[in-house]
Amino acid sequence: MRHWLPAAFLLLAIAPALVAGCATTTVAPTTGAVRARDLVPLAVGNTWEYRVSADGGGTTSAVTIVDKSADGYFIDNRGNKLAPRSDGLFDGDRFLVQEPVEEGHAWMAVPKDQPNVVEKYRISSVSASASVPAGAFEGCVEVEAEQTVQQGVMKMTWTFAPGVGLIKISQRVAPVGAPERTTMTMELVKYQVQPPAAPAG
């Protein structure tokens, strides 16, 4: 079973000031309406570490933003890219979070290299609570995604803590004629970030 994860979701939302995350961190909801750019205020040098559990195994994964391209994309240590735009978070192929950041807002994407694939996205909550090794967070934004695959339907949930970033990912598969099961989870362990960048366009 492959893990369907748009690469740019490894580029993460970050805090508005230099912050080091730890397991005792508790972040309150942000005041005012949350924008997509608040979920990924990117800066070169920002680093996040995750605990990844997949199909019975476990590992850790670190992501660091290493560069910014001339056309406004932030690039991580794996070559993934993401741009904070006024109309959403864009990876050059799809909106990973699209404005407005409101519960129920939905959109679709068709990857350029997979014209027969339709990815469906929906903001399922703007007030979720979540606990991960990096801390307990309130006022989180959850994005649900799904894609039909040969085996059935693959589903993803991304949980963003405004002012912190992407704190949790859950991947599930619902095979045809079988119960849904979780195939991968990713949880934030620690992070260190700089001030956010201004949105492009």
C-alpha atoms as a PDB file:
ATOM      1  CA  MET A   1       0.000   0.000   0.000  1.00  0.00           C
ATOM      2  CA  ARG A   2       1.519   3.290  -1.034  1.00  0.00           C
ATOM      3  CA  HIS A   3       1.197   6.376   1.167  1.00  0.00           C
ATOM      4  CA  TRP A   4      -0.627   9.122  -0.666  1.00  0.00           C
ATOM      5  CA  LEU A   5       0.737  12.398   0.645  1.00  0.00           C
ATOM      6  CA  PRO A   6       1.086  15.517  -1.523  1.00  0.00           C
ATOM      7  CA  ALA A   7       4.751  16.257  -1.086  1.00  0.00           C
ATOM      8  CA  ALA A   8       4.341  19.898  -0.163  1.00  0.00           C
ATOM      9  CA  PHE A   9       2.437  19.015   3.007  1.00  0.00           C
ATOM     10  CA  LEU A  10       5.841  18.313   4.492  1.00  0.00           C
ATOM     11  CA  LEU A  11       6.343  22.082   4.393  1.00  0.00           C
ATOM     12  CA  LEU A  12       4.709  23.322   7.519  1.00  0.00           C
ATOM     13  CA  ALA A  13       2.951  26.210   9.183  1.00  0.00           C
ATOM     14  CA  ILE A  14       5.133  28.042  11.673  1.00  0.00           C
ATOM     15  CA  ALA A  15       4.954  30.510  14.536  1.00  0.00           C
ATOM     16  CA  PRO A  16       5.063  34.313  14.188  1.00  0.00           C
ATOM     17  CA  ALA A  17       8.239  34.500  16.311  1.00  0.00           C
ATOM     18  CA  LEU A  18      11.231  32.255  16.902  1.00  0.00           C
ATOM     19  CA  VAL A  19       9.866  29.313  18.900  1.00  0.00           C
ATOM     20  CA  ALA A  20      11.275  26.016  20.082  1.00  0.00           C
ATOM     21  CA  GLY A  21       8.572  23.410  20.550  1.00  0.00           C
ATOM     22  CA  CYS A  22       8.521  20.801  23.286  1.00  0.00           C
ATOM     23  CA  ALA A  23       6.143  18.316  24.835  1.00  0.00           C
ATOM     24  CA  THR A  24       4.858  20.802  27.417  1.00  0.00           C
ATOM     25  CA  THR A  25       3.745  23.441  24.896  1.00  0.00           C
ATOM     26  CA  THR A  26       0.089  24.488  24.972  1.00  0.00           C
ATOM     27  CA  VAL A  27      -1.105  26.939  22.342  1.00  0.00           C
ATOM     28  CA  ALA A  28      -4.387  28.821  22.610  1.00  0.00           C
ATOM     29  CA  PRO A  29      -6.565  29.672  19.588  1.00  0.00           C
ATOM     30  CA  THR A  30      -5.469  32.603  17.456  1.00  0.00           C
ATOM     31  CA  THR A  31      -7.657  35.699  17.603  1.00  0.00           C
ATOM     32  CA  GLY A  32      -9.499  36.724  14.451  1.00  0.00           C
ATOM     33  CA  ALA A  33     -10.086  34.814  11.230  1.00  0.00           C
ATOM     34  CA  VAL A  34      -7.383  32.362  10.213  1.00  0.00           C
ATOM     35  CA  ARG A  35      -6.019  32.647   6.682  1.00  0.00           C
ATOM     36  CA  ALA A  36      -4.312  29.872   4.741  1.00  0.00           C
ATOM     37  CA  ARG A  37      -1.042  31.832   4.880  1.00  0.00           C
ATOM     38  CA  ASP A  38      -1.277  31.738   8.703  1.00  0.00           C
ATOM     39  CA  LEU A  39      -1.046  27.950   8.455  1.00  0.00           C
ATOM     40  CA  VAL A  40       2.203  28.027   6.467  1.00  0.00           C
ATOM     41  CA  PRO A  41       4.137  31.233   7.210  1.00  0.00           C
ATOM     42  CA  LEU A  42       7.370  29.824   5.782  1.00  0.00           C
ATOM     43  CA  ALA A  43      10.995  30.884   6.352  1.00  0.00           C
ATOM     44  CA  VAL A  44      14.355  29.420   5.374  1.00  0.00           C
ATOM     45  CA  GLY A  45      15.923  27.531   8.285  1.00  0.00           C
ATOM     46  CA  ASN A  46      12.688  26.399   9.937  1.00  0.00           C
ATOM     47  CA  THR A  47      12.810  22.800  11.141  1.00  0.00           C
ATOM     48  CA  TRP A  48      10.209  20.267  12.297  1.00  0.00           C
ATOM     49  CA  GLU A  49      10.667  16.727  13.550  1.00  0.00           C
ATOM     50  CA  TYR A  50       7.942  14.088  13.325  1.00  0.00           C
ATOM     51  CA  ARG A  51       7.270  10.638  14.672  1.00  0.00           C
ATOM     52  CA  VAL A  52       5.961   8.485  11.810  1.00  0.00           C
ATOM     53  CA  SER A  53       4.099   5.203  12.311  1.00  0.00           C
ATOM     54  CA  ALA A  54       3.231   3.215   9.195  1.00  0.00           C
ATOM     55  CA  ASP A  55       1.933  -0.329   8.761  1.00  0.00           C
ATOM     56  CA  GLY A  56       3.298  -1.502  12.116  1.00  0.00           C
ATOM     57  CA  GLY A  57       6.679   0.233  11.911  1.00  0.00           C
ATOM     58  CA  GLY A  58       7.936   3.522  13.341  1.00  0.00           C
ATOM     59  CA  THR A  59      10.586   6.106  12.556  1.00  0.00           C
ATOM     60  CA  THR A  60      11.323   9.818  12.853  1.00  0.00           C
ATOM     61  CA  SER A  61      11.464  12.334  10.022  1.00  0.00           C
ATOM     62  CA  ALA A  62      12.950  15.836   9.984  1.00  0.00           C
ATOM     63  CA  VAL A  63      11.962  18.579   7.546  1.00  0.00           C
ATOM     64  CA  THR A  64      14.003  21.767   7.065  1.00  0.00           C
ATOM     65  CA  ILE A  65      13.306  24.639   4.691  1.00  0.00           C
ATOM     66  CA  VAL A  66      16.572  25.193   2.849  1.00  0.00           C
ATOM     67  CA  ASP A  67      15.839  27.730   0.108  1.00  0.00           C
ATOM     68  CA  LYS A  68      13.385  30.140  -1.486  1.00  0.00           C
ATOM     69  CA  SER A  69      13.041  30.269  -5.277  1.00  0.00           C
ATOM     70  CA  ALA A  70      12.878  33.437  -7.365  1.00  0.00           C
ATOM     71  CA  ASP A  71       9.160  32.812  -7.986  1.00  0.00           C
ATOM     72  CA  GLY A  72       8.304  32.646  -4.271  1.00  0.00           C
ATOM     73  CA  TYR A  73       8.333  28.929  -3.468  1.00  0.00           C
ATOM     74  CA  PHE A  74       9.932  27.699  -0.255  1.00  0.00           C
ATOM     75  CA  ILE A  75      11.911  24.484  -0.809  1.00  0.00           C
ATOM     76  CA  ASP A  76      12.609  21.831   1.816  1.00  0.00           C
ATOM     77  CA  ASN A  77      15.486  19.382   2.224  1.00  0.00           C
ATOM     78  CA  ARG A  78      13.607  16.836   0.086  1.00  0.00           C
ATOM     79  CA  GLY A  79      13.020  19.163  -2.841  1.00  0.00           C
ATOM     80  CA  ASN A  80       9.325  19.744  -2.085  1.00  0.00           C
ATOM     81  CA  LYS A  81       8.033  23.287  -2.579  1.00  0.00           C
ATOM     82  CA  LEU A  82       5.182  25.450  -1.300  1.00  0.00           C
ATOM     83  CA  ALA A  83       4.147  29.075  -1.768  1.00  0.00           C
ATOM     84  CA  PRO A  84       1.917  31.066   0.618  1.00  0.00           C
ATOM     85  CA  ARG A  85      -0.432  32.987  -1.711  1.00  0.00           C
ATOM     86  CA  SER A  86      -3.299  35.341  -0.972  1.00  0.00           C
ATOM     87  CA  ASP A  87      -5.752  32.720  -2.302  1.00  0.00           C
ATOM     88  CA  GLY A  88      -4.255  29.719  -0.503  1.00  0.00           C
ATOM     89  CA  LEU A  89      -1.250  27.444  -0.139  1.00  0.00           C
ATOM     90  CA  PHE A  90      -0.021  26.339  -3.554  1.00  0.00           C
ATOM     91  CA  ASP A  91       2.604  23.733  -4.447  1.00  0.00           C
ATOM     92  CA  GLY A  92       2.719  24.507  -8.166  1.00  0.00           C
ATOM     93  CA  ASP A  93       0.204  21.760  -8.907  1.00  0.00           C
ATOM     94  CA  ARG A  94      -2.625  22.107  -6.392  1.00  0.00           C
ATOM     95  CA  PHE A  95      -4.006  24.185  -3.545  1.00  0.00           C
ATOM     96  CA  LEU A  96      -3.265  22.288  -0.361  1.00  0.00           C
ATOM     97  CA  VAL A  97      -5.378  24.752   1.616  1.00  0.00           C
ATOM     98  CA  GLN A  98      -7.639  27.104  -0.303  1.00  0.00           C
ATOM     99  CA  GLU A  99      -9.332  30.265   0.876  1.00  0.00           C
ATOM    100  CA  PRO A 100     -11.608  30.828   2.651  1.00  0.00           C
ATOM    101  CA  VAL A 101     -10.499  28.866   5.720  1.00  0.00           C
ATOM    102  CA  GLU A 102     -14.029  28.059   6.829  1.00  0.00           C
ATOM    103  CA  GLU A 103     -15.628  24.824   7.980  1.00  0.00           C
ATOM    104  CA  GLY A 104     -17.194  23.044   5.006  1.00  0.00           C
ATOM    105  CA  HIS A 105     -15.171  24.813   2.302  1.00  0.00           C
ATOM    106  CA  ALA A 106     -14.255  22.256  -0.381  1.00  0.00           C
ATOM    107  CA  TRP A 107     -12.159  22.153  -3.542  1.00  0.00           C
ATOM    108  CA  MET A 108     -10.622  19.634  -5.952  1.00  0.00           C
ATOM    109  CA  ALA A 109      -7.277  19.161  -7.677  1.00  0.00           C
ATOM    110  CA  VAL A 110      -6.090  17.174 -10.694  1.00  0.00           C
ATOM    111  CA  PRO A 111      -2.300  16.666 -10.605  1.00  0.00           C
ATOM    112  CA  LYS A 112      -0.563  17.592 -13.856  1.00  0.00           C
ATOM    113  CA  ASP A 113       1.351  14.314 -13.946  1.00  0.00           C
ATOM    114  CA  GLN A 114      -1.788  12.248 -13.144  1.00  0.00           C
ATOM    115  CA  PRO A 115      -4.642  13.656 -15.277  1.00  0.00           C
ATOM    116  CA  ASN A 116      -6.964  10.764 -14.372  1.00  0.00           C
ATOM    117  CA  VAL A 117      -6.632  11.347 -10.612  1.00  0.00           C
ATOM    118  CA  VAL A 118      -9.033  13.624  -8.728  1.00  0.00           C
ATOM    119  CA  GLU A 119      -8.067  14.750  -5.234  1.00  0.00           C
ATOM    120  CA  LYS A 120     -10.946  16.077  -3.105  1.00  0.00           C
ATOM    121  CA  TYR A 121     -10.307  18.419  -0.160  1.00  0.00           C
ATOM    122  CA  ARG A 122     -12.574  19.835   2.549  1.00  0.00           C
ATOM    123  CA  ILE A 123     -12.006  21.880   5.695  1.00  0.00           C
ATOM    124  CA  SER A 124     -13.736  19.781   8.343  1.00  0.00           C
ATOM    125  CA  SER A 125     -13.013  21.957  11.396  1.00  0.00           C
ATOM    126  CA  VAL A 126     -11.527  25.305  12.384  1.00  0.00           C
ATOM    127  CA  SER A 127     -11.829  24.651  16.134  1.00  0.00           C
ATOM    128  CA  ALA A 128     -10.358  21.182  16.692  1.00  0.00           C
ATOM    129  CA  SER A 129      -8.243  20.116  19.689  1.00  0.00           C
ATOM    130  CA  ALA A 130      -5.198  17.879  19.321  1.00  0.00           C
ATOM    131  CA  SER A 131      -2.423  16.454  21.503  1.00  0.00           C
ATOM    132  CA  VAL A 132       0.907  15.332  20.025  1.00  0.00           C
ATOM    133  CA  PRO A 133       4.391  14.892  21.536  1.00  0.00           C
ATOM    134  CA  ALA A 134       5.107  18.604  20.840  1.00  0.00           C
ATOM    135  CA  GLY A 135       2.154  19.707  22.989  1.00  0.00           C
ATOM    136  CA  ALA A 136      -1.600  20.174  23.338  1.00  0.00           C
ATOM    137  CA  PHE A 137      -3.225  22.545  20.862  1.00  0.00           C
ATOM    138  CA  GLU A 138      -6.617  24.254  20.609  1.00  0.00           C
ATOM    139  CA  GLY A 139      -8.290  26.069  17.715  1.00  0.00           C
ATOM    140  CA  CYS A 140      -6.762  23.754  15.114  1.00  0.00           C
ATOM    141  CA  VAL A 141      -7.746  23.631  11.448  1.00  0.00           C
ATOM    142  CA  GLU A 142      -8.419  20.161  10.037  1.00  0.00           C
ATOM    143  CA  VAL A 143      -8.306  19.431   6.313  1.00  0.00           C
ATOM    144  CA  GLU A 144      -9.807  16.186   5.020  1.00  0.00           C
ATOM    145  CA  ALA A 145      -8.678  14.783   1.680  1.00  0.00           C
ATOM    146  CA  GLU A 146      -9.621  11.703  -0.286  1.00  0.00           C
ATOM    147  CA  GLN A 147      -8.674  10.002  -3.503  1.00  0.00           C
ATOM    148  CA  THR A 148     -10.058   6.917  -5.211  1.00  0.00           C
ATOM    149  CA  VAL A 149      -7.386   4.260  -5.684  1.00  0.00           C
ATOM    150  CA  GLN A 150      -7.470   0.790  -7.178  1.00  0.00           C
ATOM    151  CA  GLN A 151      -8.084  -0.809  -3.771  1.00  0.00           C
ATOM    152  CA  GLY A 152     -10.878   1.565  -2.755  1.00  0.00           C
ATOM    153  CA  VAL A 153     -10.661   5.047  -1.221  1.00  0.00           C
ATOM    154  CA  MET A 154      -7.635   6.576   0.487  1.00  0.00           C
ATOM    155  CA  LYS A 155      -8.335   9.305   3.043  1.00  0.00           C
ATOM    156  CA  MET A 156      -6.079  11.818   4.798  1.00  0.00           C
ATOM    157  CA  THR A 157      -6.583  14.229   7.686  1.00  0.00           C
ATOM    158  CA  TRP A 158      -4.132  17.096   8.223  1.00  0.00           C
ATOM    159  CA  THR A 159      -4.291  19.000  11.519  1.00  0.00           C
ATOM    160  CA  PHE A 160      -2.785  22.497  11.613  1.00  0.00           C
ATOM    161  CA  ALA A 161      -2.258  24.540  14.776  1.00  0.00           C
ATOM    162  CA  PRO A 162      -2.232  28.221  13.712  1.00  0.00           C
ATOM    163  CA  GLY A 163       0.985  29.806  14.863  1.00  0.00           C
ATOM    164  CA  VAL A 164       2.669  26.379  15.071  1.00  0.00           C
ATOM    165  CA  GLY A 165       2.112  24.438  11.862  1.00  0.00           C
ATOM    166  CA  LEU A 166       1.182  21.015  10.661  1.00  0.00           C
ATOM    167  CA  ILE A 167       1.059  18.962  13.851  1.00  0.00           C
ATOM    168  CA  LYS A 168      -0.564  15.709  12.773  1.00  0.00           C
ATOM    169  CA  ILE A 169      -1.363  13.619   9.699  1.00  0.00           C
ATOM    170  CA  SER A 170      -3.538  10.517   9.628  1.00  0.00           C
ATOM    171  CA  GLN A 171      -3.849   8.312   6.536  1.00  0.00           C
ATOM    172  CA  ARG A 172      -6.611   5.737   6.223  1.00  0.00           C
ATOM    173  CA  VAL A 173      -7.723   3.345   3.507  1.00  0.00           C
ATOM    174  CA  ALA A 174     -11.238   2.037   2.938  1.00  0.00           C
ATOM    175  CA  PRO A 175     -10.840  -1.051   0.713  1.00  0.00           C
ATOM    176  CA  VAL A 176     -13.815  -2.156  -1.358  1.00  0.00           C
ATOM    177  CA  GLY A 177     -15.926  -4.448   0.817  1.00  0.00           C
ATOM    178  CA  ALA A 178     -13.701  -4.128   3.902  1.00  0.00           C
ATOM    179  CA  PRO A 179     -13.595  -1.889   7.005  1.00  0.00           C
ATOM    180  CA  GLU A 180     -11.567   1.324   6.965  1.00  0.00           C
ATOM    181  CA  ARG A 181      -8.134   1.064   8.598  1.00  0.00           C
ATOM    182  CA  THR A 182      -5.357   3.492   9.508  1.00  0.00           C
ATOM    183  CA  THR A 183      -2.151   2.937   7.505  1.00  0.00           C
ATOM    184  CA  MET A 184       0.004   5.889   8.621  1.00  0.00           C
ATOM    185  CA  THR A 185       0.165   8.589  11.275  1.00  0.00           C
ATOM    186  CA  MET A 186       2.648  11.438  11.633  1.00  0.00           C
ATOM    187  CA  GLU A 187       2.891  13.561  14.808  1.00  0.00           C
ATOM    188  CA  LEU A 188       4.978  16.629  15.584  1.00  0.00           C
ATOM    189  CA  VAL A 189       7.689  15.967  18.172  1.00  0.00           C
ATOM    190  CA  LYS A 190       9.575  19.292  18.163  1.00  0.00           C
ATOM    191  CA  TYR A 191      10.112  22.348  15.996  1.00  0.00           C
ATOM    192  CA  GLN A 192      12.129  25.541  15.710  1.00  0.00           C
ATOM    193  CA  VAL A 193      10.859  28.359  13.516  1.00  0.00           C
ATOM    194  CA  GLN A 194      11.426  31.970  12.473  1.00  0.00           C
ATOM    195  CA  PRO A 195       8.970  34.778  11.647  1.00  0.00           C
ATOM    196  CA  PRO A 196       6.555  34.176   8.753  1.00  0.00           C
ATOM    197  CA  ALA A 197       7.060  35.332   5.193  1.00  0.00           C
ATOM    198  CA  ALA A 198       4.622  37.673   3.449  1.00  0.00           C
ATOM    199  CA  PRO A 199       2.231  36.009   0.963  1.00  0.00           C
ATOM    200  CA  ALA A 200       2.860  36.250  -2.768  1.00  0.00           C
ATOM    201  CA  GLY A 201       0.305  37.439  -5.318  1.00  0.00           C
END
